[in-house]
Amino acid sequence: MQKRYTFEDLRDIIEQLRSENGCPWDKVQTHESLRADMLEEAYEAVDAIDKGDMDNLKEELGDVLMQVVFHSSIEAQKGGFTLDDVIQGICEKMVYRHPHVFGEISVDTA
């Protein structure tokens, strides 16, 4: 039976690829060097939506997600934000923008 990977596995895989003994290409990437890849993956996801190709959409969403994890890893290694910070920010935004669902919740942004 094939292993069923989790989000944590994806995070670990990206960290391993960027580690000292990881992939030479992955280790030297920057936000700027990956800029075109981020755009390409987003466009490919939109193309899959336009074509109604859900198998391809699943694949392309994975590529978009990988870009988010990759960029977060780059920044965390520089001492900046982490993937957890990205998740915290989007959760706060979604709760704040949907008071009709979550009520008037005060979101601590400190």
PDB file of N, CA and C in Angstrom:
ATOM      1  N   MET A   1       0.846  -1.193   0.000  1.00  0.00           N
ATOM      2  CA  MET A   1       0.000   0.000   0.000  1.00  0.00           C
ATOM      3  C   MET A   1       0.886   1.249   0.000  1.00  0.00           C
ATOM      4  N   GLN A   2       0.533   2.206  -0.839  1.00  0.00           N
ATOM      5  CA  GLN A   2       1.286   3.452  -0.933  1.00  0.00           C
ATOM      6  C   GLN A   2       1.032   4.307   0.308  1.00  0.00           C
ATOM      7  N   LYS A   3       2.082   4.963   0.784  1.00  0.00           N
ATOM      8  CA  LYS A   3       1.953   5.858   1.933  1.00  0.00           C
ATOM      9  C   LYS A   3       0.990   6.993   1.612  1.00  0.00           C
ATOM     10  N   ARG A   4       0.149   7.323   2.548  1.00  0.00           N
ATOM     11  CA  ARG A   4      -0.763   8.467   2.412  1.00  0.00           C
ATOM     12  C   ARG A   4      -0.081   9.658   3.077  1.00  0.00           C
ATOM     13  N   TYR A   5       0.434  10.572   2.260  1.00  0.00           N
ATOM     14  CA  TYR A   5       1.168  11.719   2.779  1.00  0.00           C
ATOM     15  C   TYR A   5       0.226  12.745   3.401  1.00  0.00           C
ATOM     16  N   THR A   6       0.754  13.513   4.341  1.00  0.00           N
ATOM     17  CA  THR A   6       0.010  14.558   5.035  1.00  0.00           C
ATOM     18  C   THR A   6       0.638  15.919   4.743  1.00  0.00           C
ATOM     19  N   PHE A   7      -0.027  16.955   5.205  1.00  0.00           N
ATOM     20  CA  PHE A   7       0.519  18.303   5.076  1.00  0.00           C
ATOM     21  C   PHE A   7       1.870  18.395   5.781  1.00  0.00           C
ATOM     22  N   GLU A   8       1.975  17.775   6.931  1.00  0.00           N
ATOM     23  CA  GLU A   8       3.259  17.775   7.658  1.00  0.00           C
ATOM     24  C   GLU A   8       4.348  17.093   6.849  1.00  0.00           C
ATOM     25  N   ASP A   9       4.002  16.025   6.128  1.00  0.00           N
ATOM     26  CA  ASP A   9       4.983  15.375   5.259  1.00  0.00           C
ATOM     27  C   ASP A   9       5.479  16.349   4.197  1.00  0.00           C
ATOM     28  N   LEU A  10       4.574  17.128   3.599  1.00  0.00           N
ATOM     29  CA  LEU A  10       4.973  18.109   2.593  1.00  0.00           C
ATOM     30  C   LEU A  10       5.934  19.119   3.191  1.00  0.00           C
ATOM     31  N   ARG A  11       5.607  19.600   4.366  1.00  0.00           N
ATOM     32  CA  ARG A  11       6.489  20.557   5.042  1.00  0.00           C
ATOM     33  C   ARG A  11       7.863  19.936   5.272  1.00  0.00           C
ATOM     34  N   ASP A  12       7.891  18.696   5.734  1.00  0.00           N
ATOM     35  CA  ASP A  12       9.164  18.002   5.995  1.00  0.00           C
ATOM     36  C   ASP A  12       9.954  17.762   4.715  1.00  0.00           C
ATOM     37  N   ILE A  13       9.260  17.421   3.634  1.00  0.00           N
ATOM     38  CA  ILE A  13       9.937  17.174   2.351  1.00  0.00           C
ATOM     39  C   ILE A  13      10.617  18.451   1.860  1.00  0.00           C
ATOM     40  N   ILE A  14       9.904  19.568   1.921  1.00  0.00           N
ATOM     41  CA  ILE A  14      10.494  20.842   1.481  1.00  0.00           C
ATOM     42  C   ILE A  14      11.678  21.202   2.366  1.00  0.00           C
ATOM     43  N   GLU A  15      11.542  21.010   3.668  1.00  0.00           N
ATOM     44  CA  GLU A  15      12.658  21.299   4.571  1.00  0.00           C
ATOM     45  C   GLU A  15      13.867  20.420   4.252  1.00  0.00           C
ATOM     46  N   GLN A  16      13.639  19.156   3.961  1.00  0.00           N
ATOM     47  CA  GLN A  16      14.742  18.252   3.622  1.00  0.00           C
ATOM     48  C   GLN A  16      15.387  18.668   2.302  1.00  0.00           C
ATOM     49  N   LEU A  17      14.586  19.027   1.322  1.00  0.00           N
ATOM     50  CA  LEU A  17      15.135  19.465   0.041  1.00  0.00           C
ATOM     51  C   LEU A  17      16.020  20.691   0.199  1.00  0.00           C
ATOM     52  N   ARG A  18      15.668  21.581   1.140  1.00  0.00           N
ATOM     53  CA  ARG A  18      16.424  22.816   1.340  1.00  0.00           C
ATOM     54  C   ARG A  18      17.504  22.692   2.411  1.00  0.00           C
ATOM     55  N   SER A  19      17.649  21.511   2.993  1.00  0.00           N
ATOM     56  CA  SER A  19      18.632  21.313   4.060  1.00  0.00           C
ATOM     57  C   SER A  19      20.050  21.208   3.499  1.00  0.00           C
ATOM     58  N   GLU A  20      21.004  21.181   4.381  1.00  0.00           N
ATOM     59  CA  GLU A  20      22.425  21.095   3.995  1.00  0.00           C
ATOM     60  C   GLU A  20      22.691  19.934   3.045  1.00  0.00           C
ATOM     61  N   ASN A  21      22.078  18.802   3.298  1.00  0.00           N
ATOM     62  CA  ASN A  21      22.284  17.623   2.456  1.00  0.00           C
ATOM     63  C   ASN A  21      21.160  17.434   1.432  1.00  0.00           C
ATOM     64  N   GLY A  22      20.411  18.486   1.177  1.00  0.00           N
ATOM     65  CA  GLY A  22      19.271  18.402   0.275  1.00  0.00           C
ATOM     66  C   GLY A  22      19.655  18.574  -1.180  1.00  0.00           C
ATOM     67  N   CYS A  23      18.707  19.021  -1.957  1.00  0.00           N
ATOM     68  CA  CYS A  23      18.870  19.200  -3.405  1.00  0.00           C
ATOM     69  C   CYS A  23      19.602  20.509  -3.698  1.00  0.00           C
ATOM     70  N   PRO A  24      20.684  20.448  -4.487  1.00  0.00           N
ATOM     71  CA  PRO A  24      21.424  21.676  -4.801  1.00  0.00           C
ATOM     72  C   PRO A  24      20.545  22.765  -5.426  1.00  0.00           C
ATOM     73  N   TRP A  25      19.607  22.387  -6.291  1.00  0.00           N
ATOM     74  CA  TRP A  25      18.745  23.386  -6.936  1.00  0.00           C
ATOM     75  C   TRP A  25      17.808  24.021  -5.919  1.00  0.00           C
ATOM     76  N   ASP A  26      17.155  23.201  -5.107  1.00  0.00           N
ATOM     77  CA  ASP A  26      16.187  23.720  -4.136  1.00  0.00           C
ATOM     78  C   ASP A  26      16.855  24.633  -3.111  1.00  0.00           C
ATOM     79  N   LYS A  27      18.069  24.301  -2.721  1.00  0.00           N
ATOM     80  CA  LYS A  27      18.757  25.065  -1.676  1.00  0.00           C
ATOM     81  C   LYS A  27      19.065  26.499  -2.090  1.00  0.00           C
ATOM     82  N   VAL A  28      19.244  26.756  -3.369  1.00  0.00           N
ATOM     83  CA  VAL A  28      19.652  28.095  -3.805  1.00  0.00           C
ATOM     84  C   VAL A  28      18.490  28.956  -4.294  1.00  0.00           C
ATOM     85  N   GLN A  29      17.280  28.431  -4.253  1.00  0.00           N
ATOM     86  CA  GLN A  29      16.141  29.211  -4.746  1.00  0.00           C
ATOM     87  C   GLN A  29      15.817  30.364  -3.803  1.00  0.00           C
ATOM     88  N   THR A  30      15.284  31.413  -4.396  1.00  0.00           N
ATOM     89  CA  THR A  30      14.867  32.612  -3.666  1.00  0.00           C
ATOM     90  C   THR A  30      13.430  32.949  -4.063  1.00  0.00           C
ATOM     91  N   HIS A  31      12.844  33.886  -3.353  1.00  0.00           N
ATOM     92  CA  HIS A  31      11.506  34.345  -3.743  1.00  0.00           C
ATOM     93  C   HIS A  31      11.530  34.810  -5.202  1.00  0.00           C
ATOM     94  N   GLU A  32      12.582  35.547  -5.538  1.00  0.00           N
ATOM     95  CA  GLU A  32      12.673  36.109  -6.883  1.00  0.00           C
ATOM     96  C   GLU A  32      12.859  35.019  -7.945  1.00  0.00           C
ATOM     97  N   SER A  33      13.686  34.027  -7.650  1.00  0.00           N
ATOM     98  CA  SER A  33      13.926  32.979  -8.654  1.00  0.00           C
ATOM     99  C   SER A  33      12.692  32.100  -8.862  1.00  0.00           C
ATOM    100  N   LEU A  34      11.807  32.056  -7.873  1.00  0.00           N
ATOM    101  CA  LEU A  34      10.594  31.236  -7.962  1.00  0.00           C
ATOM    102  C   LEU A  34       9.363  32.030  -8.393  1.00  0.00           C
ATOM    103  N   ARG A  35       9.549  33.315  -8.629  1.00  0.00           N
ATOM    104  CA  ARG A  35       8.415  34.181  -8.962  1.00  0.00           C
ATOM    105  C   ARG A  35       7.639  33.660 -10.169  1.00  0.00           C
ATOM    106  N   ALA A  36       8.329  33.348 -11.236  1.00  0.00           N
ATOM    107  CA  ALA A  36       7.658  32.866 -12.450  1.00  0.00           C
ATOM    108  C   ALA A  36       6.965  31.532 -12.207  1.00  0.00           C
ATOM    109  N   ASP A  37       7.564  30.678 -11.383  1.00  0.00           N
ATOM    110  CA  ASP A  37       6.949  29.390 -11.072  1.00  0.00           C
ATOM    111  C   ASP A  37       5.630  29.578 -10.331  1.00  0.00           C
ATOM    112  N   MET A  38       5.594  30.528  -9.406  1.00  0.00           N
ATOM    113  CA  MET A  38       4.356  30.802  -8.663  1.00  0.00           C
ATOM    114  C   MET A  38       3.248  31.231  -9.623  1.00  0.00           C
ATOM    115  N   LEU A  39       3.588  32.127 -10.535  1.00  0.00           N
ATOM    116  CA  LEU A  39       2.602  32.576 -11.514  1.00  0.00           C
ATOM    117  C   LEU A  39       2.162  31.442 -12.428  1.00  0.00           C
ATOM    118  N   GLU A  40       3.119  30.662 -12.907  1.00  0.00           N
ATOM    119  CA  GLU A  40       2.793  29.557 -13.817  1.00  0.00           C
ATOM    120  C   GLU A  40       1.854  28.556 -13.165  1.00  0.00           C
ATOM    121  N   GLU A  41       2.129  28.203 -11.917  1.00  0.00           N
ATOM    122  CA  GLU A  41       1.281  27.213 -11.235  1.00  0.00           C
ATOM    123  C   GLU A  41      -0.125  27.757 -11.025  1.00  0.00           C
ATOM    124  N   ALA A  42      -0.241  29.042 -10.695  1.00  0.00           N
ATOM    125  CA  ALA A  42      -1.570  29.641 -10.530  1.00  0.00           C
ATOM    126  C   ALA A  42      -2.327  29.644 -11.853  1.00  0.00           C
ATOM    127  N   TYR A  43      -1.656  30.010 -12.929  1.00  0.00           N
ATOM    128  CA  TYR A  43      -2.299  29.999 -14.249  1.00  0.00           C
ATOM    129  C   TYR A  43      -2.712  28.590 -14.657  1.00  0.00           C
ATOM    130  N   GLU A  44      -1.884  27.611 -14.362  1.00  0.00           N
ATOM    131  CA  GLU A  44      -2.224  26.230 -14.708  1.00  0.00           C
ATOM    132  C   GLU A  44      -3.439  25.742 -13.916  1.00  0.00           C
ATOM    133  N   ALA A  45      -3.561  26.175 -12.666  1.00  0.00           N
ATOM    134  CA  ALA A  45      -4.738  25.813 -11.869  1.00  0.00           C
ATOM    135  C   ALA A  45      -5.993  26.443 -12.468  1.00  0.00           C
ATOM    136  N   VAL A  46      -5.891  27.702 -12.862  1.00  0.00           N
ATOM    137  CA  VAL A  46      -7.032  28.385 -13.474  1.00  0.00           C
ATOM    138  C   VAL A  46      -7.404  27.718 -14.800  1.00  0.00           C
ATOM    139  N   ASP A  47      -6.417  27.323 -15.577  1.00  0.00           N
ATOM    140  CA  ASP A  47      -6.677  26.637 -16.838  1.00  0.00           C
ATOM    141  C   ASP A  47      -7.431  25.326 -16.604  1.00  0.00           C
ATOM    142  N   ALA A  48      -7.040  24.591 -15.570  1.00  0.00           N
ATOM    143  CA  ALA A  48      -7.730  23.338 -15.247  1.00  0.00           C
ATOM    144  C   ALA A  48      -9.183  23.609 -14.858  1.00  0.00           C
ATOM    145  N   ILE A  49      -9.418  24.693 -14.127  1.00  0.00           N
ATOM    146  CA  ILE A  49     -10.785  25.080 -13.772  1.00  0.00           C
ATOM    147  C   ILE A  49     -11.575  25.393 -15.036  1.00  0.00           C
ATOM    148  N   ASP A  50     -10.981  26.196 -15.909  1.00  0.00           N
ATOM    149  CA  ASP A  50     -11.663  26.584 -17.151  1.00  0.00           C
ATOM    150  C   ASP A  50     -12.026  25.368 -17.994  1.00  0.00           C
ATOM    151  N   LYS A  51     -11.180  24.352 -17.968  1.00  0.00           N
ATOM    152  CA  LYS A  51     -11.413  23.139 -18.759  1.00  0.00           C
ATOM    153  C   LYS A  51     -12.288  22.123 -18.031  1.00  0.00           C
ATOM    154  N   GLY A  52     -12.596  22.384 -16.769  1.00  0.00           N
ATOM    155  CA  GLY A  52     -13.383  21.434 -15.988  1.00  0.00           C
ATOM    156  C   GLY A  52     -12.633  20.138 -15.727  1.00  0.00           C
ATOM    157  N   ASP A  53     -11.305  20.212 -15.722  1.00  0.00           N
ATOM    158  CA  ASP A  53     -10.451  19.029 -15.551  1.00  0.00           C
ATOM    159  C   ASP A  53     -10.055  18.913 -14.081  1.00  0.00           C
ATOM    160  N   MET A  54     -10.858  18.200 -13.314  1.00  0.00           N
ATOM    161  CA  MET A  54     -10.639  18.121 -11.877  1.00  0.00           C
ATOM    162  C   MET A  54      -9.401  17.302 -11.510  1.00  0.00           C
ATOM    163  N   ASP A  55      -9.048  16.314 -12.303  1.00  0.00           N
ATOM    164  CA  ASP A  55      -7.808  15.573 -12.030  1.00  0.00           C
ATOM    165  C   ASP A  55      -6.609  16.495 -12.164  1.00  0.00           C
ATOM    166  N   ASN A  56      -6.606  17.308 -13.222  1.00  0.00           N
ATOM    167  CA  ASN A  56      -5.511  18.254 -13.402  1.00  0.00           C
ATOM    168  C   ASN A  56      -5.559  19.350 -12.352  1.00  0.00           C
ATOM    169  N   LEU A  57      -6.757  19.792 -11.969  1.00  0.00           N
ATOM    170  CA  LEU A  57      -6.878  20.813 -10.929  1.00  0.00           C
ATOM    171  C   LEU A  57      -6.272  20.312  -9.626  1.00  0.00           C
ATOM    172  N   LYS A  58      -6.537  19.060  -9.290  1.00  0.00           N
ATOM    173  CA  LYS A  58      -5.961  18.489  -8.070  1.00  0.00           C
ATOM    174  C   LYS A  58      -4.434  18.581  -8.111  1.00  0.00           C
ATOM    175  N   GLU A  59      -3.859  18.227  -9.246  1.00  0.00           N
ATOM    176  CA  GLU A  59      -2.402  18.281  -9.403  1.00  0.00           C
ATOM    177  C   GLU A  59      -1.888  19.720  -9.310  1.00  0.00           C
ATOM    178  N   GLU A  60      -2.555  20.629  -9.997  1.00  0.00           N
ATOM    179  CA  GLU A  60      -2.096  22.024 -10.019  1.00  0.00           C
ATOM    180  C   GLU A  60      -2.263  22.706  -8.664  1.00  0.00           C
ATOM    181  N   LEU A  61      -3.323  22.369  -7.944  1.00  0.00           N
ATOM    182  CA  LEU A  61      -3.460  22.920  -6.587  1.00  0.00           C
ATOM    183  C   LEU A  61      -2.329  22.431  -5.693  1.00  0.00           C
ATOM    184  N   GLY A  62      -1.899  21.191  -5.899  1.00  0.00           N
ATOM    185  CA  GLY A  62      -0.737  20.692  -5.172  1.00  0.00           C
ATOM    186  C   GLY A  62       0.503  21.507  -5.488  1.00  0.00           C
ATOM    187  N   ASP A  63       0.672  21.865  -6.763  1.00  0.00           N
ATOM    188  CA  ASP A  63       1.825  22.686  -7.154  1.00  0.00           C
ATOM    189  C   ASP A  63       1.753  24.077  -6.532  1.00  0.00           C
ATOM    190  N   VAL A  64       0.548  24.659  -6.478  1.00  0.00           N
ATOM    191  CA  VAL A  64       0.375  25.967  -5.835  1.00  0.00           C
ATOM    192  C   VAL A  64       0.693  25.851  -4.345  1.00  0.00           C
ATOM    193  N   LEU A  65       0.179  24.809  -3.712  1.00  0.00           N
ATOM    194  CA  LEU A  65       0.445  24.599  -2.285  1.00  0.00           C
ATOM    195  C   LEU A  65       1.940  24.427  -2.033  1.00  0.00           C
ATOM    196  N   MET A  66       2.611  23.686  -2.902  1.00  0.00           N
ATOM    197  CA  MET A  66       4.054  23.506  -2.757  1.00  0.00           C
ATOM    198  C   MET A  66       4.773  24.854  -2.832  1.00  0.00           C
ATOM    199  N   GLN A  67       4.310  25.732  -3.701  1.00  0.00           N
ATOM    200  CA  GLN A  67       4.929  27.054  -3.794  1.00  0.00           C
ATOM    201  C   GLN A  67       4.775  27.825  -2.482  1.00  0.00           C
ATOM    202  N   VAL A  68       3.609  27.748  -1.870  1.00  0.00           N
ATOM    203  CA  VAL A  68       3.381  28.432  -0.595  1.00  0.00           C
ATOM    204  C   VAL A  68       4.322  27.881   0.479  1.00  0.00           C
ATOM    205  N   VAL A  69       4.435  26.568   0.545  1.00  0.00           N
ATOM    206  CA  VAL A  69       5.318  25.940   1.539  1.00  0.00           C
ATOM    207  C   VAL A  69       6.772  26.289   1.240  1.00  0.00           C
ATOM    208  N   PHE A  70       7.148  26.276  -0.034  1.00  0.00           N
ATOM    209  CA  PHE A  70       8.528  26.571  -0.441  1.00  0.00           C
ATOM    210  C   PHE A  70       8.903  28.000  -0.063  1.00  0.00           C
ATOM    211  N   HIS A  71       8.061  28.973  -0.427  1.00  0.00           N
ATOM    212  CA  HIS A  71       8.343  30.373  -0.100  1.00  0.00           C
ATOM    213  C   HIS A  71       8.398  30.592   1.408  1.00  0.00           C
ATOM    214  N   SER A  72       7.522  29.927   2.133  1.00  0.00           N
ATOM    215  CA  SER A  72       7.534  30.048   3.596  1.00  0.00           C
ATOM    216  C   SER A  72       8.816  29.473   4.176  1.00  0.00           C
ATOM    217  N   SER A  73       9.300  28.377   3.612  1.00  0.00           N
ATOM    218  CA  SER A  73      10.548  27.766   4.065  1.00  0.00           C
ATOM    219  C   SER A  73      11.739  28.694   3.821  1.00  0.00           C
ATOM    220  N   ILE A  74      11.765  29.311   2.649  1.00  0.00           N
ATOM    221  CA  ILE A  74      12.835  30.262   2.333  1.00  0.00           C
ATOM    222  C   ILE A  74      12.858  31.375   3.366  1.00  0.00           C
ATOM    223  N   GLU A  75      11.698  31.920   3.651  1.00  0.00           N
ATOM    224  CA  GLU A  75      11.628  33.048   4.584  1.00  0.00           C
ATOM    225  C   GLU A  75      11.980  32.621   6.005  1.00  0.00           C
ATOM    226  N   ALA A  76      11.517  31.456   6.413  1.00  0.00           N
ATOM    227  CA  ALA A  76      11.823  30.967   7.765  1.00  0.00           C
ATOM    228  C   ALA A  76      13.326  30.762   7.936  1.00  0.00           C
ATOM    229  N   GLN A  77      13.990  30.262   6.907  1.00  0.00           N
ATOM    230  CA  GLN A  77      15.442  30.056   6.991  1.00  0.00           C
ATOM    231  C   GLN A  77      16.189  31.373   7.110  1.00  0.00           C
ATOM    232  N   LYS A  78      15.585  32.459   6.622  1.00  0.00           N
ATOM    233  CA  LYS A  78      16.187  33.787   6.735  1.00  0.00           C
ATOM    234  C   LYS A  78      15.838  34.457   8.066  1.00  0.00           C
ATOM    235  N   GLY A  79      15.022  33.784   8.874  1.00  0.00           N
ATOM    236  CA  GLY A  79      14.613  34.364  10.152  1.00  0.00           C
ATOM    237  C   GLY A  79      13.373  35.231  10.047  1.00  0.00           C
ATOM    238  N   GLY A  80      12.690  35.141   8.926  1.00  0.00           N
ATOM    239  CA  GLY A  80      11.464  35.918   8.731  1.00  0.00           C
ATOM    240  C   GLY A  80      10.242  35.140   9.175  1.00  0.00           C
ATOM    241  N   PHE A  81       9.173  35.266   8.407  1.00  0.00           N
ATOM    242  CA  PHE A  81       7.938  34.584   8.773  1.00  0.00           C
ATOM    243  C   PHE A  81       8.037  33.087   8.509  1.00  0.00           C
ATOM    244  N   THR A  82       7.136  32.350   9.146  1.00  0.00           N
ATOM    245  CA  THR A  82       7.089  30.895   8.995  1.00  0.00           C
ATOM    246  C   THR A  82       5.775  30.496   8.323  1.00  0.00           C
ATOM    247  N   LEU A  83       5.677  29.240   7.965  1.00  0.00           N
ATOM    248  CA  LEU A  83       4.432  28.719   7.419  1.00  0.00           C
ATOM    249  C   LEU A  83       3.307  28.870   8.441  1.00  0.00           C
ATOM    250  N   ASP A  84       3.611  28.657   9.701  1.00  0.00           N
ATOM    251  CA  ASP A  84       2.598  28.843  10.737  1.00  0.00           C
ATOM    252  C   ASP A  84       2.106  30.288  10.776  1.00  0.00           C
ATOM    253  N   ASP A  85       2.999  31.257  10.519  1.00  0.00           N
ATOM    254  CA  ASP A  85       2.595  32.660  10.454  1.00  0.00           C
ATOM    255  C   ASP A  85       1.640  32.901   9.285  1.00  0.00           C
ATOM    256  N   VAL A  86       1.923  32.267   8.148  1.00  0.00           N
ATOM    257  CA  VAL A  86       1.048  32.390   6.977  1.00  0.00           C
ATOM    258  C   VAL A  86      -0.337  31.830   7.305  1.00  0.00           C
ATOM    259  N   ILE A  87      -0.356  30.660   7.937  1.00  0.00           N
ATOM    260  CA  ILE A  87      -1.621  30.034   8.308  1.00  0.00           C
ATOM    261  C   ILE A  87      -2.375  30.892   9.317  1.00  0.00           C
ATOM    262  N   GLN A  88      -1.666  31.423  10.303  1.00  0.00           N
ATOM    263  CA  GLN A  88      -2.287  32.296  11.297  1.00  0.00           C
ATOM    264  C   GLN A  88      -2.931  33.505  10.621  1.00  0.00           C
ATOM    265  N   GLY A  89      -2.194  34.118   9.705  1.00  0.00           N
ATOM    266  CA  GLY A  89      -2.702  35.305   9.026  1.00  0.00           C
ATOM    267  C   GLY A  89      -3.957  35.041   8.217  1.00  0.00           C
ATOM    268  N   ILE A  90      -3.974  33.948   7.476  1.00  0.00           N
ATOM    269  CA  ILE A  90      -5.145  33.686   6.639  1.00  0.00           C
ATOM    270  C   ILE A  90      -6.348  33.269   7.488  1.00  0.00           C
ATOM    271  N   CYS A  91      -6.101  32.554   8.574  1.00  0.00           N
ATOM    272  CA  CYS A  91      -7.209  32.194   9.466  1.00  0.00           C
ATOM    273  C   CYS A  91      -7.816  33.440  10.096  1.00  0.00           C
ATOM    274  N   GLU A  92      -6.964  34.344  10.573  1.00  0.00           N
ATOM    275  CA  GLU A  92      -7.462  35.592  11.148  1.00  0.00           C
ATOM    276  C   GLU A  92      -8.281  36.371  10.125  1.00  0.00           C
ATOM    277  N   LYS A  93      -7.777  36.439   8.899  1.00  0.00           N
ATOM    278  CA  LYS A  93      -8.473  37.182   7.847  1.00  0.00           C
ATOM    279  C   LYS A  93      -9.838  36.571   7.549  1.00  0.00           C
ATOM    280  N   MET A  94      -9.906  35.257   7.451  1.00  0.00           N
ATOM    281  CA  MET A  94     -11.170  34.597   7.125  1.00  0.00           C
ATOM    282  C   MET A  94     -12.202  34.775   8.240  1.00  0.00           C
ATOM    283  N   VAL A  95     -11.761  34.662   9.483  1.00  0.00           N
ATOM    284  CA  VAL A  95     -12.674  34.861  10.610  1.00  0.00           C
ATOM    285  C   VAL A  95     -13.155  36.311  10.640  1.00  0.00           C
ATOM    286  N   TYR A  96     -12.241  37.264  10.448  1.00  0.00           N
ATOM    287  CA  TYR A  96     -12.584  38.682  10.466  1.00  0.00           C
ATOM    288  C   TYR A  96     -13.572  39.040   9.355  1.00  0.00           C
ATOM    289  N   ARG A  97     -13.363  38.472   8.177  1.00  0.00           N
ATOM    290  CA  ARG A  97     -14.207  38.809   7.026  1.00  0.00           C
ATOM    291  C   ARG A  97     -15.561  38.105   7.031  1.00  0.00           C
ATOM    292  N   HIS A  98     -15.774  37.215   7.965  1.00  0.00           N
ATOM    293  CA  HIS A  98     -17.028  36.458   7.993  1.00  0.00           C
ATOM    294  C   HIS A  98     -17.701  36.515   9.361  1.00  0.00           C
ATOM    295  N   PRO A  99     -18.009  37.722   9.852  1.00  0.00           N
ATOM    296  CA  PRO A  99     -18.664  37.825  11.151  1.00  0.00           C
ATOM    297  C   PRO A  99     -20.058  37.194  11.132  1.00  0.00           C
ATOM    298  N   HIS A 100     -20.667  37.082   9.951  1.00  0.00           N
ATOM    299  CA  HIS A 100     -21.982  36.453   9.832  1.00  0.00           C
ATOM    300  C   HIS A 100     -21.906  34.949  10.088  1.00  0.00           C
ATOM    301  N   VAL A 101     -20.702  34.403  10.053  1.00  0.00           N
ATOM    302  CA  VAL A 101     -20.497  32.976  10.327  1.00  0.00           C
ATOM    303  C   VAL A 101     -19.896  32.772  11.716  1.00  0.00           C
ATOM    304  N   PHE A 102     -18.876  33.571  12.044  1.00  0.00           N
ATOM    305  CA  PHE A 102     -18.120  33.364  13.280  1.00  0.00           C
ATOM    306  C   PHE A 102     -18.522  34.310  14.400  1.00  0.00           C
ATOM    307  N   GLY A 103     -19.400  35.267  14.112  1.00  0.00           N
ATOM    308  CA  GLY A 103     -19.782  36.255  15.116  1.00  0.00           C
ATOM    309  C   GLY A 103     -18.746  37.365  15.163  1.00  0.00           C
ATOM    310  N   GLU A 104     -18.998  38.291  16.033  1.00  0.00           N
ATOM    311  CA  GLU A 104     -18.064  39.419  16.188  1.00  0.00           C
ATOM    312  C   GLU A 104     -16.911  38.953  17.062  1.00  0.00           C
ATOM    313  N   ILE A 105     -15.923  38.354  16.432  1.00  0.00           N
ATOM    314  CA  ILE A 105     -14.768  37.816  17.142  1.00  0.00           C
ATOM    315  C   ILE A 105     -13.630  38.813  17.025  1.00  0.00           C
ATOM    316  N   SER A 106     -13.040  39.126  18.138  1.00  0.00           N
ATOM    317  CA  SER A 106     -11.865  39.989  18.143  1.00  0.00           C
ATOM    318  C   SER A 106     -10.650  39.135  17.781  1.00  0.00           C
ATOM    319  N   VAL A 107      -9.938  39.552  16.734  1.00  0.00           N
ATOM    320  CA  VAL A 107      -8.756  38.816  16.302  1.00  0.00           C
ATOM    321  C   VAL A 107      -7.535  39.566  16.771  1.00  0.00           C
ATOM    322  N   ASP A 108      -6.716  38.880  17.559  1.00  0.00           N
ATOM    323  CA  ASP A 108      -5.479  39.467  18.060  1.00  0.00           C
ATOM    324  C   ASP A 108      -4.419  39.368  16.974  1.00  0.00           C
ATOM    325  N   THR A 109      -3.956  40.514  16.482  1.00  0.00           N
ATOM    326  CA  THR A 109      -2.948  40.518  15.418  1.00  0.00           C
ATOM    327  C   THR A 109      -1.559  40.813  15.956  1.00  0.00           C
ATOM    328  N   ALA A 110      -1.412  40.769  17.269  1.00  0.00           N
ATOM    329  CA  ALA A 110      -0.102  41.052  17.868  1.00  0.00           C
ATOM    330  C   ALA A 110       0.848  39.911  17.694  1.00  0.00           C
TER     331      ALA A 110
END
